[in-house]
């Protein structure tokens, strides 16, 4: 993704690192806070550079985890007390107010 600067990557990483236990945020919230044009850019950053971050606290706006991560992600979130119903995170009960958004 050539249109992403190293500074933007670091801003996303810093925000993800700051998400409190028991809360989640969306790819779109992070993109808006950093000024990125698309939530997909945040997804790309997360796929390539998030092993040391609480990646499980970033979720789609629908509240559904990515299919290939659903089991691991929901297990971790439930362990932190995040409300999950019918395989979806209940965003209105645990959505983190991202600084800058």
PDB file of N, CA and C in Angstrom:
ATOM      1  N   UNK A   1       0.836  -1.173   0.000  1.00  0.00           N
ATOM      2  CA  UNK A   1       0.000   0.000   0.000  1.00  0.00           C
ATOM      3  C   UNK A   1       0.881   1.236   0.000  1.00  0.00           C
ATOM      4  N   UNK A   2       1.192   1.721  -1.157  1.00  0.00           N
ATOM      5  CA  UNK A   2       2.161   2.797  -1.318  1.00  0.00           C
ATOM      6  C   UNK A   2       1.683   4.126  -0.762  1.00  0.00           C
ATOM      7  N   UNK A   3       0.382   4.328  -0.630  1.00  0.00           N
ATOM      8  CA  UNK A   3      -0.127   5.624  -0.201  1.00  0.00           C
ATOM      9  C   UNK A   3      -0.107   5.819   1.317  1.00  0.00           C
ATOM     10  N   UNK A   4       0.398   4.848   2.056  1.00  0.00           N
ATOM     11  CA  UNK A   4       0.440   4.948   3.509  1.00  0.00           C
ATOM     12  C   UNK A   4       1.853   5.321   3.939  1.00  0.00           C
ATOM     13  N   UNK A   5       1.948   6.361   4.761  1.00  0.00           N
ATOM     14  CA  UNK A   5       3.267   6.775   5.242  1.00  0.00           C
ATOM     15  C   UNK A   5       3.631   5.997   6.503  1.00  0.00           C
ATOM     16  N   UNK A   6       4.898   5.982   6.808  1.00  0.00           N
ATOM     17  CA  UNK A   6       5.367   5.324   8.028  1.00  0.00           C
ATOM     18  C   UNK A   6       4.739   5.985   9.258  1.00  0.00           C
ATOM     19  N   UNK A   7       4.558   7.299   9.198  1.00  0.00           N
ATOM     20  CA  UNK A   7       3.929   8.022  10.302  1.00  0.00           C
ATOM     21  C   UNK A   7       2.486   7.555  10.512  1.00  0.00           C
ATOM     22  N   UNK A   8       1.760   7.358   9.421  1.00  0.00           N
ATOM     23  CA  UNK A   8       0.375   6.879   9.537  1.00  0.00           C
ATOM     24  C   UNK A   8       0.327   5.474  10.129  1.00  0.00           C
ATOM     25  N   UNK A   9       1.245   4.631   9.700  1.00  0.00           N
ATOM     26  CA  UNK A   9       1.322   3.274  10.251  1.00  0.00           C
ATOM     27  C   UNK A   9       1.572   3.359  11.752  1.00  0.00           C
ATOM     28  N   UNK A  10       2.498   4.213  12.161  1.00  0.00           N
ATOM     29  CA  UNK A  10       2.815   4.343  13.585  1.00  0.00           C
ATOM     30  C   UNK A  10       1.650   4.926  14.377  1.00  0.00           C
ATOM     31  N   UNK A  11       0.891   5.844  13.774  1.00  0.00           N
ATOM     32  CA  UNK A  11      -0.280   6.394  14.448  1.00  0.00           C
ATOM     33  C   UNK A  11      -1.326   5.306  14.688  1.00  0.00           C
ATOM     34  N   UNK A  12      -1.568   4.487  13.669  1.00  0.00           N
ATOM     35  CA  UNK A  12      -2.521   3.383  13.820  1.00  0.00           C
ATOM     36  C   UNK A  12      -2.033   2.436  14.909  1.00  0.00           C
ATOM     37  N   UNK A  13      -0.762   2.075  14.864  1.00  0.00           N
ATOM     38  CA  UNK A  13      -0.201   1.163  15.866  1.00  0.00           C
ATOM     39  C   UNK A  13      -0.360   1.730  17.275  1.00  0.00           C
ATOM     40  N   UNK A  14      -0.091   3.017  17.444  1.00  0.00           N
ATOM     41  CA  UNK A  14      -0.194   3.648  18.767  1.00  0.00           C
ATOM     42  C   UNK A  14      -1.632   3.625  19.271  1.00  0.00           C
ATOM     43  N   UNK A  15      -2.577   3.883  18.390  1.00  0.00           N
ATOM     44  CA  UNK A  15      -3.986   3.856  18.796  1.00  0.00           C
ATOM     45  C   UNK A  15      -4.419   2.439  19.173  1.00  0.00           C
ATOM     46  N   UNK A  16      -4.039   1.462  18.378  1.00  0.00           N
ATOM     47  CA  UNK A  16      -4.403   0.079  18.687  1.00  0.00           C
ATOM     48  C   UNK A  16      -3.800  -0.322  20.041  1.00  0.00           C
ATOM     49  N   UNK A  17      -2.564   0.072  20.284  1.00  0.00           N
ATOM     50  CA  UNK A  17      -1.911  -0.257  21.557  1.00  0.00           C
ATOM     51  C   UNK A  17      -2.636   0.381  22.742  1.00  0.00           C
ATOM     52  N   UNK A  18      -3.345   1.483  22.499  1.00  0.00           N
ATOM     53  CA  UNK A  18      -4.017   2.222  23.572  1.00  0.00           C
ATOM     54  C   UNK A  18      -5.446   1.750  23.857  1.00  0.00           C
ATOM     55  N   UNK A  19      -5.982   0.849  23.041  1.00  0.00           N
ATOM     56  CA  UNK A  19      -7.358   0.384  23.262  1.00  0.00           C
ATOM     57  C   UNK A  19      -7.410  -0.340  24.611  1.00  0.00           C
ATOM     58  N   UNK A  20      -8.261   0.133  25.509  1.00  0.00           N
ATOM     59  CA  UNK A  20      -8.317  -0.490  26.841  1.00  0.00           C
ATOM     60  C   UNK A  20      -8.873  -1.919  26.815  1.00  0.00           C
ATOM     61  N   UNK A  21      -8.441  -2.706  27.764  1.00  0.00           N
ATOM     62  CA  UNK A  21      -8.984  -4.050  27.958  1.00  0.00           C
ATOM     63  C   UNK A  21     -10.496  -3.927  28.143  1.00  0.00           C
ATOM     64  N   UNK A  22     -11.238  -4.801  27.470  1.00  0.00           N
ATOM     65  CA  UNK A  22     -12.692  -4.806  27.602  1.00  0.00           C
ATOM     66  C   UNK A  22     -13.402  -3.863  26.652  1.00  0.00           C
ATOM     67  N   UNK A  23     -12.631  -3.192  25.786  1.00  0.00           N
ATOM     68  CA  UNK A  23     -13.231  -2.314  24.795  1.00  0.00           C
ATOM     69  C   UNK A  23     -12.708  -2.682  23.418  1.00  0.00           C
ATOM     70  N   UNK A  24     -13.440  -2.241  22.390  1.00  0.00           N
ATOM     71  CA  UNK A  24     -13.036  -2.468  21.004  1.00  0.00           C
ATOM     72  C   UNK A  24     -13.206  -1.180  20.219  1.00  0.00           C
ATOM     73  N   UNK A  25     -12.618  -1.164  19.055  1.00  0.00           N
ATOM     74  CA  UNK A  25     -12.853  -0.083  18.113  1.00  0.00           C
ATOM     75  C   UNK A  25     -12.960  -0.690  16.723  1.00  0.00           C
ATOM     76  N   UNK A  26     -13.340   0.131  15.763  1.00  0.00           N
ATOM     77  CA  UNK A  26     -13.506  -0.379  14.402  1.00  0.00           C
ATOM     78  C   UNK A  26     -12.381   0.105  13.500  1.00  0.00           C
ATOM     79  N   UNK A  27     -12.234  -0.598  12.392  1.00  0.00           N
ATOM     80  CA  UNK A  27     -11.259  -0.177  11.393  1.00  0.00           C
ATOM     81  C   UNK A  27     -11.571   1.252  10.934  1.00  0.00           C
ATOM     82  N   UNK A  28     -12.856   1.543  10.770  1.00  0.00           N
ATOM     83  CA  UNK A  28     -13.274   2.877  10.329  1.00  0.00           C
ATOM     84  C   UNK A  28     -12.967   3.955  11.342  1.00  0.00           C
ATOM     85  N   UNK A  29     -13.160   3.663  12.636  1.00  0.00           N
ATOM     86  CA  UNK A  29     -12.837   4.639  13.680  1.00  0.00           C
ATOM     87  C   UNK A  29     -11.351   4.985  13.641  1.00  0.00           C
ATOM     88  N   UNK A  30     -10.523   3.964  13.487  1.00  0.00           N
ATOM     89  CA  UNK A  30      -9.077   4.197  13.435  1.00  0.00           C
ATOM     90  C   UNK A  30      -8.694   4.987  12.188  1.00  0.00           C
ATOM     91  N   UNK A  31      -9.287   4.633  11.047  1.00  0.00           N
ATOM     92  CA  UNK A  31      -8.989   5.353   9.806  1.00  0.00           C
ATOM     93  C   UNK A  31      -9.362   6.827   9.945  1.00  0.00           C
ATOM     94  N   UNK A  32     -10.527   7.113  10.521  1.00  0.00           N
ATOM     95  CA  UNK A  32     -10.971   8.495  10.693  1.00  0.00           C
ATOM     96  C   UNK A  32     -10.030   9.262  11.617  1.00  0.00           C
ATOM     97  N   UNK A  33      -9.594   8.622  12.694  1.00  0.00           N
ATOM     98  CA  UNK A  33      -8.721   9.291  13.664  1.00  0.00           C
ATOM     99  C   UNK A  33      -7.369   9.657  13.061  1.00  0.00           C
ATOM    100  N   UNK A  34      -6.880   8.823  12.162  1.00  0.00           N
ATOM    101  CA  UNK A  34      -5.564   9.046  11.559  1.00  0.00           C
ATOM    102  C   UNK A  34      -5.663   9.854  10.270  1.00  0.00           C
ATOM    103  N   UNK A  35      -6.870   9.955   9.717  1.00  0.00           N
ATOM    104  CA  UNK A  35      -7.052  10.691   8.464  1.00  0.00           C
ATOM    105  C   UNK A  35      -6.803   9.849   7.230  1.00  0.00           C
ATOM    106  N   UNK A  36      -6.985   8.551   7.361  1.00  0.00           N
ATOM    107  CA  UNK A  36      -6.818   7.655   6.218  1.00  0.00           C
ATOM    108  C   UNK A  36      -8.101   7.618   5.403  1.00  0.00           C
ATOM    109  N   UNK A  37      -7.986   7.368   4.135  1.00  0.00           N
ATOM    110  CA  UNK A  37      -9.135   7.435   3.233  1.00  0.00           C
ATOM    111  C   UNK A  37     -10.067   6.237   3.324  1.00  0.00           C
ATOM    112  N   UNK A  38      -9.599   5.134   3.916  1.00  0.00           N
ATOM    113  CA  UNK A  38     -10.425   3.923   3.927  1.00  0.00           C
ATOM    114  C   UNK A  38     -10.095   3.033   5.120  1.00  0.00           C
ATOM    115  N   UNK A  39     -11.117   2.409   5.702  1.00  0.00           N
ATOM    116  CA  UNK A  39     -10.860   1.420   6.754  1.00  0.00           C
ATOM    117  C   UNK A  39     -10.006   0.251   6.254  1.00  0.00           C
ATOM    118  N   UNK A  40     -10.053  -0.005   4.973  1.00  0.00           N
ATOM    119  CA  UNK A  40      -9.259  -1.107   4.405  1.00  0.00           C
ATOM    120  C   UNK A  40      -7.763  -0.890   4.604  1.00  0.00           C
ATOM    121  N   UNK A  41      -7.350   0.377   4.651  1.00  0.00           N
ATOM    122  CA  UNK A  41      -5.927   0.666   4.885  1.00  0.00           C
ATOM    123  C   UNK A  41      -5.546   0.211   6.291  1.00  0.00           C
ATOM    124  N   UNK A  42      -6.423   0.453   7.249  1.00  0.00           N
ATOM    125  CA  UNK A  42      -6.167  -0.013   8.616  1.00  0.00           C
ATOM    126  C   UNK A  42      -6.100  -1.537   8.628  1.00  0.00           C
ATOM    127  N   UNK A  43      -6.991  -2.188   7.896  1.00  0.00           N
ATOM    128  CA  UNK A  43      -6.960  -3.642   7.794  1.00  0.00           C
ATOM    129  C   UNK A  43      -5.635  -4.132   7.242  1.00  0.00           C
ATOM    130  N   UNK A  44      -5.134  -3.449   6.230  1.00  0.00           N
ATOM    131  CA  UNK A  44      -3.844  -3.811   5.649  1.00  0.00           C
ATOM    132  C   UNK A  44      -2.725  -3.657   6.676  1.00  0.00           C
ATOM    133  N   UNK A  45      -2.734  -2.548   7.395  1.00  0.00           N
ATOM    134  CA  UNK A  45      -1.722  -2.327   8.430  1.00  0.00           C
ATOM    135  C   UNK A  45      -1.803  -3.428   9.482  1.00  0.00           C
ATOM    136  N   UNK A  46      -3.017  -3.761   9.903  1.00  0.00           N
ATOM    137  CA  UNK A  46      -3.198  -4.785  10.927  1.00  0.00           C
ATOM    138  C   UNK A  46      -2.719  -6.157  10.449  1.00  0.00           C
ATOM    139  N   UNK A  47      -2.941  -6.456   9.185  1.00  0.00           N
ATOM    140  CA  UNK A  47      -2.503  -7.752   8.653  1.00  0.00           C
ATOM    141  C   UNK A  47      -0.987  -7.847   8.573  1.00  0.00           C
ATOM    142  N   UNK A  48      -0.325  -6.715   8.340  1.00  0.00           N
ATOM    143  CA  UNK A  48       1.108  -6.769   8.098  1.00  0.00           C
ATOM    144  C   UNK A  48       1.956  -6.383   9.306  1.00  0.00           C
ATOM    145  N   UNK A  49       1.343  -5.746  10.324  1.00  0.00           N
ATOM    146  CA  UNK A  49       2.187  -5.177  11.381  1.00  0.00           C
ATOM    147  C   UNK A  49       1.443  -5.088  12.715  1.00  0.00           C
ATOM    148  N   UNK A  50       0.912  -6.207  13.212  1.00  0.00           N
ATOM    149  CA  UNK A  50       0.171  -6.105  14.477  1.00  0.00           C
ATOM    150  C   UNK A  50       0.420  -7.260  15.437  1.00  0.00           C
ATOM    151  N   UNK A  51       1.433  -8.067  15.179  1.00  0.00           N
ATOM    152  CA  UNK A  51       1.665  -9.237  16.023  1.00  0.00           C
ATOM    153  C   UNK A  51       1.850  -8.868  17.494  1.00  0.00           C
ATOM    154  N   UNK A  52       2.434  -7.699  17.756  1.00  0.00           N
ATOM    155  CA  UNK A  52       2.712  -7.291  19.132  1.00  0.00           C
ATOM    156  C   UNK A  52       1.635  -6.382  19.710  1.00  0.00           C
ATOM    157  N   UNK A  53       0.507  -6.274  19.021  1.00  0.00           N
ATOM    158  CA  UNK A  53      -0.573  -5.383  19.444  1.00  0.00           C
ATOM    159  C   UNK A  53      -1.819  -6.176  19.828  1.00  0.00           C
ATOM    160  N   UNK A  54      -2.753  -5.544  20.561  1.00  0.00           N
ATOM    161  CA  UNK A  54      -4.016  -6.211  20.870  1.00  0.00           C
ATOM    162  C   UNK A  54      -4.954  -6.174  19.658  1.00  0.00           C
ATOM    163  N   UNK A  55      -4.539  -6.862  18.602  1.00  0.00           N
ATOM    164  CA  UNK A  55      -5.253  -6.878  17.316  1.00  0.00           C
ATOM    165  C   UNK A  55      -6.707  -7.304  17.473  1.00  0.00           C
ATOM    166  N   UNK A  56      -6.969  -8.144  18.458  1.00  0.00           N
ATOM    167  CA  UNK A  56      -8.320  -8.681  18.644  1.00  0.00           C
ATOM    168  C   UNK A  56      -9.323  -7.605  19.047  1.00  0.00           C
ATOM    169  N   UNK A  57      -8.861  -6.433  19.456  1.00  0.00           N
ATOM    170  CA  UNK A  57      -9.757  -5.347  19.864  1.00  0.00           C
ATOM    171  C   UNK A  57     -10.177  -4.461  18.698  1.00  0.00           C
ATOM    172  N   UNK A  58      -9.751  -4.791  17.500  1.00  0.00           N
ATOM    173  CA  UNK A  58     -10.156  -4.045  16.292  1.00  0.00           C
ATOM    174  C   UNK A  58     -11.088  -4.939  15.499  1.00  0.00           C
ATOM    175  N   UNK A  59     -12.263  -4.402  15.169  1.00  0.00           N
ATOM    176  CA  UNK A  59     -13.319  -5.220  14.570  1.00  0.00           C
ATOM    177  C   UNK A  59     -14.037  -4.413  13.496  1.00  0.00           C
ATOM    178  N   UNK A  60     -14.759  -5.075  12.646  1.00  0.00           N
ATOM    179  CA  UNK A  60     -15.517  -4.369  11.614  1.00  0.00           C
ATOM    180  C   UNK A  60     -16.691  -3.618  12.243  1.00  0.00           C
ATOM    181  N   UNK A  61     -17.216  -2.662  11.527  1.00  0.00           N
ATOM    182  CA  UNK A  61     -18.337  -1.858  12.032  1.00  0.00           C
ATOM    183  C   UNK A  61     -19.593  -2.700  12.258  1.00  0.00           C
ATOM    184  N   UNK A  62     -19.659  -3.865  11.643  1.00  0.00           N
ATOM    185  CA  UNK A  62     -20.804  -4.753  11.844  1.00  0.00           C
ATOM    186  C   UNK A  62     -20.729  -5.477  13.190  1.00  0.00           C
ATOM    187  N   UNK A  63     -19.551  -5.453  13.809  1.00  0.00           N
ATOM    188  CA  UNK A  63     -19.351  -6.179  15.053  1.00  0.00           C
ATOM    189  C   UNK A  63     -18.896  -7.607  14.853  1.00  0.00           C
ATOM    190  N   UNK A  64     -18.853  -8.045  13.603  1.00  0.00           N
ATOM    191  CA  UNK A  64     -18.432  -9.421  13.303  1.00  0.00           C
ATOM    192  C   UNK A  64     -16.922  -9.477  13.098  1.00  0.00           C
ATOM    193  N   UNK A  65     -16.276 -10.455  13.696  1.00  0.00           N
ATOM    194  CA  UNK A  65     -14.844 -10.635  13.447  1.00  0.00           C
ATOM    195  C   UNK A  65     -14.625 -11.223  12.054  1.00  0.00           C
ATOM    196  N   UNK A  66     -13.405 -11.117  11.583  1.00  0.00           N
ATOM    197  CA  UNK A  66     -13.057 -11.738  10.308  1.00  0.00           C
ATOM    198  C   UNK A  66     -13.248 -13.242  10.442  1.00  0.00           C
ATOM    199  N   UNK A  67     -13.808 -13.857   9.424  1.00  0.00           N
ATOM    200  CA  UNK A  67     -14.154 -15.282   9.480  1.00  0.00           C
ATOM    201  C   UNK A  67     -12.961 -16.151   9.872  1.00  0.00           C
ATOM    202  N   UNK A  68     -11.789 -15.861   9.316  1.00  0.00           N
ATOM    203  CA  UNK A  68     -10.623 -16.700   9.595  1.00  0.00           C
ATOM    204  C   UNK A  68     -10.062 -16.492  11.002  1.00  0.00           C
ATOM    205  N   UNK A  69     -10.510 -15.441  11.706  1.00  0.00           N
ATOM    206  CA  UNK A  69     -10.034 -15.165  13.055  1.00  0.00           C
ATOM    207  C   UNK A  69     -11.128 -15.293  14.107  1.00  0.00           C
ATOM    208  N   UNK A  70     -12.346 -15.559  13.692  1.00  0.00           N
ATOM    209  CA  UNK A  70     -13.510 -15.446  14.575  1.00  0.00           C
ATOM    210  C   UNK A  70     -13.343 -16.195  15.892  1.00  0.00           C
ATOM    211  N   UNK A  71     -12.954 -17.435  15.843  1.00  0.00           N
ATOM    212  CA  UNK A  71     -12.830 -18.215  17.070  1.00  0.00           C
ATOM    213  C   UNK A  71     -11.838 -17.613  18.042  1.00  0.00           C
ATOM    214  N   UNK A  72     -10.635 -17.357  17.569  1.00  0.00           N
ATOM    215  CA  UNK A  72      -9.584 -16.783  18.434  1.00  0.00           C
ATOM    216  C   UNK A  72      -9.970 -15.396  18.923  1.00  0.00           C
ATOM    217  N   UNK A  73     -10.489 -14.572  18.014  1.00  0.00           N
ATOM    218  CA  UNK A  73     -10.809 -13.192  18.367  1.00  0.00           C
ATOM    219  C   UNK A  73     -11.928 -13.137  19.411  1.00  0.00           C
ATOM    220  N   UNK A  74     -13.006 -13.857  19.185  1.00  0.00           N
ATOM    221  CA  UNK A  74     -14.122 -13.832  20.130  1.00  0.00           C
ATOM    222  C   UNK A  74     -13.724 -14.429  21.478  1.00  0.00           C
ATOM    223  N   UNK A  75     -12.917 -15.472  21.465  1.00  0.00           N
ATOM    224  CA  UNK A  75     -12.454 -16.069  22.719  1.00  0.00           C
ATOM    225  C   UNK A  75     -11.664 -15.052  23.545  1.00  0.00           C
ATOM    226  N   UNK A  76     -10.771 -14.332  22.885  1.00  0.00           N
ATOM    227  CA  UNK A  76      -9.972 -13.329  23.597  1.00  0.00           C
ATOM    228  C   UNK A  76     -10.848 -12.187  24.111  1.00  0.00           C
ATOM    229  N   UNK A  77     -11.769 -11.729  23.274  1.00  0.00           N
ATOM    230  CA  UNK A  77     -12.642 -10.630  23.675  1.00  0.00           C
ATOM    231  C   UNK A  77     -13.550 -11.038  24.842  1.00  0.00           C
ATOM    232  N   UNK A  78     -14.121 -12.226  24.763  1.00  0.00           N
ATOM    233  CA  UNK A  78     -14.957 -12.717  25.866  1.00  0.00           C
ATOM    234  C   UNK A  78     -14.148 -12.798  27.162  1.00  0.00           C
ATOM    235  N   UNK A  79     -12.902 -13.212  27.043  1.00  0.00           N
ATOM    236  CA  UNK A  79     -12.021 -13.294  28.203  1.00  0.00           C
ATOM    237  C   UNK A  79     -11.754 -11.941  28.841  1.00  0.00           C
ATOM    238  N   UNK A  80     -11.907 -10.880  28.065  1.00  0.00           N
ATOM    239  CA  UNK A  80     -11.714  -9.518  28.567  1.00  0.00           C
ATOM    240  C   UNK A  80     -13.028  -8.884  29.017  1.00  0.00           C
ATOM    241  N   UNK A  81     -14.125  -9.627  28.888  1.00  0.00           N
ATOM    242  CA  UNK A  81     -15.411  -9.096  29.316  1.00  0.00           C
ATOM    243  C   UNK A  81     -16.174  -8.327  28.257  1.00  0.00           C
ATOM    244  N   UNK A  82     -15.740  -8.417  27.008  1.00  0.00           N
ATOM    245  CA  UNK A  82     -16.447  -7.743  25.918  1.00  0.00           C
ATOM    246  C   UNK A  82     -17.759  -8.483  25.655  1.00  0.00           C
ATOM    247  N   UNK A  83     -18.880  -7.744  25.583  1.00  0.00           N
ATOM    248  CA  UNK A  83     -20.164  -8.402  25.334  1.00  0.00           C
ATOM    249  C   UNK A  83     -20.268  -8.909  23.892  1.00  0.00           C
ATOM    250  N   UNK A  84     -20.597 -10.178  23.756  1.00  0.00           N
ATOM    251  CA  UNK A  84     -20.752 -10.817  22.446  1.00  0.00           C
ATOM    252  C   UNK A  84     -22.094 -11.524  22.432  1.00  0.00           C
ATOM    253  N   UNK A  85     -22.881 -11.261  21.386  1.00  0.00           N
ATOM    254  CA  UNK A  85     -24.169 -11.948  21.222  1.00  0.00           C
ATOM    255  C   UNK A  85     -24.275 -12.460  19.791  1.00  0.00           C
ATOM    256  N   UNK A  86     -24.630 -13.712  19.665  1.00  0.00           N
ATOM    257  CA  UNK A  86     -24.798 -14.336  18.348  1.00  0.00           C
ATOM    258  C   UNK A  86     -23.567 -14.159  17.458  1.00  0.00           C
ATOM    259  N   UNK A  87     -22.393 -14.287  18.039  1.00  0.00           N
ATOM    260  CA  UNK A  87     -21.153 -14.191  17.277  1.00  0.00           C
ATOM    261  C   UNK A  87     -20.734 -12.790  16.892  1.00  0.00           C
ATOM    262  N   UNK A  88     -21.400 -11.781  17.461  1.00  0.00           N
ATOM    263  CA  UNK A  88     -21.076 -10.388  17.155  1.00  0.00           C
ATOM    264  C   UNK A  88     -20.777  -9.629  18.441  1.00  0.00           C
ATOM    265  N   UNK A  89     -19.816  -8.715  18.356  1.00  0.00           N
ATOM    266  CA  UNK A  89     -19.520  -7.823  19.470  1.00  0.00           C
ATOM    267  C   UNK A  89     -20.634  -6.783  19.551  1.00  0.00           C
ATOM    268  N   UNK A  90     -21.108  -6.506  20.750  1.00  0.00           N
ATOM    269  CA  UNK A  90     -22.153  -5.500  20.961  1.00  0.00           C
ATOM    270  C   UNK A  90     -21.452  -4.142  21.100  1.00  0.00           C
ATOM    271  N   UNK A  91     -21.227  -3.505  19.952  1.00  0.00           N
ATOM    272  CA  UNK A  91     -20.415  -2.289  19.912  1.00  0.00           C
ATOM    273  C   UNK A  91     -20.953  -1.185  20.814  1.00  0.00           C
ATOM    274  N   UNK A  92     -22.257  -1.023  20.886  1.00  0.00           N
ATOM    275  CA  UNK A  92     -22.796   0.095  21.673  1.00  0.00           C
ATOM    276  C   UNK A  92     -22.454  -0.031  23.157  1.00  0.00           C
ATOM    277  N   UNK A  93     -22.051  -1.223  23.582  1.00  0.00           N
ATOM    278  CA  UNK A  93     -21.728  -1.435  24.995  1.00  0.00           C
ATOM    279  C   UNK A  93     -20.233  -1.386  25.305  1.00  0.00           C
ATOM    280  N   UNK A  94     -19.392  -1.389  24.265  1.00  0.00           N
ATOM    281  CA  UNK A  94     -17.950  -1.495  24.553  1.00  0.00           C
ATOM    282  C   UNK A  94     -17.069  -0.751  23.551  1.00  0.00           C
ATOM    283  N   UNK A  95     -17.659   0.136  22.750  1.00  0.00           N
ATOM    284  CA  UNK A  95     -16.878   0.825  21.721  1.00  0.00           C
ATOM    285  C   UNK A  95     -16.030   1.929  22.349  1.00  0.00           C
ATOM    286  N   UNK A  96     -14.746   1.862  22.094  1.00  0.00           N
ATOM    287  CA  UNK A  96     -13.787   2.828  22.624  1.00  0.00           C
ATOM    288  C   UNK A  96     -13.907   4.132  21.848  1.00  0.00           C
ATOM    289  N   UNK A  97     -13.900   5.234  22.554  1.00  0.00           N
ATOM    290  CA  UNK A  97     -13.930   6.556  21.928  1.00  0.00           C
ATOM    291  C   UNK A  97     -12.508   6.910  21.512  1.00  0.00           C
ATOM    292  N   UNK A  98     -12.176   6.651  20.266  1.00  0.00           N
ATOM    293  CA  UNK A  98     -10.825   6.842  19.759  1.00  0.00           C
ATOM    294  C   UNK A  98     -10.454   8.327  19.791  1.00  0.00           C
ATOM    295  N   UNK A  99      -9.325   8.667  20.412  1.00  0.00           N
ATOM    296  CA  UNK A  99      -8.892  10.062  20.403  1.00  0.00           C
ATOM    297  C   UNK A  99      -8.675  10.553  18.955  1.00  0.00           C
ATOM    298  N   UNK A 100      -9.168  11.723  18.663  1.00  0.00           N
ATOM    299  CA  UNK A 100      -8.988  12.282  17.315  1.00  0.00           C
ATOM    300  C   UNK A 100     -10.105  11.973  16.360  1.00  0.00           C
ATOM    301  N   UNK A 101     -11.047  11.144  16.788  1.00  0.00           N
ATOM    302  CA  UNK A 101     -12.154  10.787  15.901  1.00  0.00           C
ATOM    303  C   UNK A 101     -13.321  11.703  16.129  1.00  0.00           C
TER     304      UNK A 101
END
